[in-house]
Amino acid sequence: MAIDKERVLQKIAYIREQVSAIEELVKTSKRQEVLNDPWKLRGVKYALQTAIIRAEEHKG
């Protein structure tokens, strides 16, 4: 079974989008503010989890 390079690149691009959004949040908010705000922290965790889950769901 060969690796589908295009699909891998799409998955990486999606994960990078999520990481970019998180980096933007950290840039506009102080790091400690994000860590101390349960809603922001949940949002960060959710963004990363969905990026990983989305990548896993499209395996094959």
N, C-alpha and C. Protein backbone atom coordinates (compact mmCIF):
# COMPACT_ATOMS: atom_id res chain seq x y z
N MET A 1 0.84 -1.18 0.00
CA MET A 1 0.00 0.00 0.00
C MET A 1 0.89 1.24 0.00
N ALA A 2 0.72 2.07 -0.98
CA ALA A 2 1.53 3.27 -1.13
C ALA A 2 0.93 4.43 -0.32
N ILE A 3 1.77 5.32 0.11
CA ILE A 3 1.33 6.49 0.84
C ILE A 3 0.78 7.51 -0.16
N ASP A 4 -0.41 8.02 0.14
CA ASP A 4 -1.03 9.04 -0.70
C ASP A 4 -0.49 10.39 -0.25
N LYS A 5 0.52 10.87 -0.94
CA LYS A 5 1.21 12.09 -0.55
C LYS A 5 0.26 13.29 -0.48
N GLU A 6 -0.66 13.39 -1.40
CA GLU A 6 -1.60 14.51 -1.42
C GLU A 6 -2.47 14.53 -0.16
N ARG A 7 -2.95 13.38 0.25
CA ARG A 7 -3.79 13.31 1.46
C ARG A 7 -2.97 13.68 2.70
N VAL A 8 -1.75 13.23 2.76
CA VAL A 8 -0.88 13.55 3.89
C VAL A 8 -0.65 15.06 3.94
N LEU A 9 -0.40 15.66 2.80
CA LEU A 9 -0.18 17.10 2.74
C LEU A 9 -1.44 17.87 3.16
N GLN A 10 -2.61 17.38 2.79
CA GLN A 10 -3.86 18.02 3.20
C GLN A 10 -4.03 17.95 4.72
N LYS A 11 -3.72 16.81 5.30
CA LYS A 11 -3.82 16.64 6.75
C LYS A 11 -2.86 17.58 7.47
N ILE A 12 -1.65 17.66 6.96
CA ILE A 12 -0.64 18.54 7.57
C ILE A 12 -1.10 19.99 7.46
N ALA A 13 -1.66 20.37 6.34
CA ALA A 13 -2.14 21.74 6.14
C ALA A 13 -3.24 22.07 7.14
N TYR A 14 -4.16 21.15 7.36
CA TYR A 14 -5.24 21.39 8.30
C TYR A 14 -4.70 21.57 9.72
N ILE A 15 -3.78 20.72 10.11
CA ILE A 15 -3.19 20.83 11.44
C ILE A 15 -2.44 22.15 11.58
N ARG A 16 -1.74 22.55 10.55
CA ARG A 16 -1.03 23.84 10.59
C ARG A 16 -2.00 25.01 10.74
N GLU A 17 -3.17 24.92 10.10
CA GLU A 17 -4.18 25.97 10.24
C GLU A 17 -4.61 26.09 11.71
N GLN A 18 -4.82 24.95 12.34
CA GLN A 18 -5.23 24.97 13.75
C GLN A 18 -4.13 25.55 14.63
N VAL A 19 -2.91 25.16 14.37
CA VAL A 19 -1.77 25.67 15.14
C VAL A 19 -1.63 27.17 14.92
N SER A 20 -1.82 27.64 13.70
CA SER A 20 -1.74 29.08 13.41
C SER A 20 -2.80 29.85 14.19
N ALA A 21 -4.00 29.31 14.25
CA ALA A 21 -5.06 29.96 15.01
C ALA A 21 -4.70 30.05 16.49
N ILE A 22 -4.11 29.00 17.01
CA ILE A 22 -3.69 28.99 18.41
C ILE A 22 -2.56 29.98 18.63
N GLU A 23 -1.61 30.02 17.72
CA GLU A 23 -0.52 30.99 17.84
C GLU A 23 -1.05 32.42 17.82
N GLU A 24 -2.04 32.68 16.99
CA GLU A 24 -2.64 34.01 16.94
C GLU A 24 -3.32 34.35 18.26
N LEU A 25 -4.00 33.39 18.85
CA LEU A 25 -4.63 33.60 20.15
C LEU A 25 -3.58 33.95 21.20
N VAL A 26 -2.48 33.23 21.19
CA VAL A 26 -1.42 33.47 22.17
C VAL A 26 -0.77 34.84 21.92
N LYS A 27 -0.67 35.25 20.67
CA LYS A 27 -0.08 36.55 20.35
C LYS A 27 -0.97 37.69 20.85
N THR A 28 -2.29 37.52 20.73
CA THR A 28 -3.21 38.58 21.11
C THR A 28 -3.57 38.54 22.60
N SER A 29 -3.25 37.46 23.26
CA SER A 29 -3.50 37.32 24.69
C SER A 29 -2.19 36.92 25.35
N LYS A 30 -2.06 37.28 26.60
CA LYS A 30 -0.88 36.83 27.32
C LYS A 30 -0.99 35.33 27.55
N ARG A 31 0.13 34.65 27.50
CA ARG A 31 0.16 33.20 27.67
C ARG A 31 -0.55 32.78 28.95
N GLN A 32 -0.25 33.47 30.05
CA GLN A 32 -0.85 33.13 31.33
C GLN A 32 -2.36 33.34 31.30
N GLU A 33 -2.80 34.37 30.56
CA GLU A 33 -4.23 34.62 30.43
C GLU A 33 -4.93 33.44 29.76
N VAL A 34 -4.32 32.89 28.74
CA VAL A 34 -4.89 31.73 28.05
C VAL A 34 -4.92 30.53 28.99
N LEU A 35 -3.82 30.32 29.71
CA LEU A 35 -3.74 29.17 30.61
C LEU A 35 -4.70 29.29 31.79
N ASN A 36 -4.98 30.51 32.23
CA ASN A 36 -5.86 30.70 33.37
C ASN A 36 -7.34 30.82 33.00
N ASP A 37 -7.63 30.98 31.72
CA ASP A 37 -9.02 31.10 31.27
C ASP A 37 -9.49 29.72 30.80
N PRO A 38 -10.38 29.09 31.56
CA PRO A 38 -10.80 27.73 31.20
C PRO A 38 -11.44 27.63 29.82
N TRP A 39 -12.15 28.66 29.38
CA TRP A 39 -12.79 28.60 28.07
C TRP A 39 -11.77 28.70 26.94
N LYS A 40 -10.81 29.59 27.10
CA LYS A 40 -9.76 29.69 26.07
C LYS A 40 -8.93 28.42 26.03
N LEU A 41 -8.62 27.88 27.19
CA LEU A 41 -7.82 26.67 27.24
C LEU A 41 -8.58 25.50 26.62
N ARG A 42 -9.87 25.41 26.90
CA ARG A 42 -10.69 24.36 26.26
C ARG A 42 -10.71 24.53 24.74
N GLY A 43 -10.79 25.78 24.30
CA GLY A 43 -10.79 26.04 22.86
C GLY A 43 -9.50 25.60 22.20
N VAL A 44 -8.38 25.86 22.87
CA VAL A 44 -7.08 25.43 22.35
C VAL A 44 -7.03 23.91 22.27
N LYS A 45 -7.43 23.26 23.34
CA LYS A 45 -7.42 21.79 23.36
C LYS A 45 -8.34 21.23 22.28
N TYR A 46 -9.52 21.82 22.14
CA TYR A 46 -10.48 21.36 21.15
C TYR A 46 -9.92 21.49 19.73
N ALA A 47 -9.30 22.62 19.46
CA ALA A 47 -8.73 22.84 18.12
C ALA A 47 -7.68 21.78 17.79
N LEU A 48 -6.82 21.47 18.75
CA LEU A 48 -5.79 20.46 18.52
C LEU A 48 -6.40 19.06 18.39
N GLN A 49 -7.35 18.75 19.26
CA GLN A 49 -7.97 17.42 19.21
C GLN A 49 -8.71 17.20 17.91
N THR A 50 -9.46 18.21 17.46
CA THR A 50 -10.20 18.02 16.22
C THR A 50 -9.27 17.93 15.02
N ALA A 51 -8.15 18.62 15.07
CA ALA A 51 -7.18 18.52 13.98
C ALA A 51 -6.63 17.10 13.91
N ILE A 52 -6.32 16.52 15.06
CA ILE A 52 -5.77 15.17 15.09
C ILE A 52 -6.83 14.15 14.71
N ILE A 53 -8.04 14.32 15.28
CA ILE A 53 -9.14 13.39 14.97
C ILE A 53 -9.48 13.45 13.49
N ARG A 54 -9.54 14.65 12.94
CA ARG A 54 -9.87 14.81 11.52
C ARG A 54 -8.81 14.09 10.66
N ALA A 55 -7.56 14.24 11.04
CA ALA A 55 -6.50 13.58 10.29
C ALA A 55 -6.64 12.05 10.40
N GLU A 56 -6.98 11.55 11.57
CA GLU A 56 -7.13 10.12 11.78
C GLU A 56 -8.34 9.57 11.02
N GLU A 57 -9.43 10.32 10.99
CA GLU A 57 -10.65 9.85 10.32
C GLU A 57 -10.46 9.68 8.82
N HIS A 58 -9.55 10.43 8.26
CA HIS A 58 -9.36 10.39 6.81
C HIS A 58 -8.17 9.51 6.43
N LYS A 59 -7.79 8.62 7.32
CA LYS A 59 -6.72 7.67 6.99
C LYS A 59 -7.24 6.67 5.97
N GLY A 60 -6.34 6.11 5.31
CA GLY A 60 -6.76 5.01 4.46
C GLY A 60 -6.23 5.11 3.14
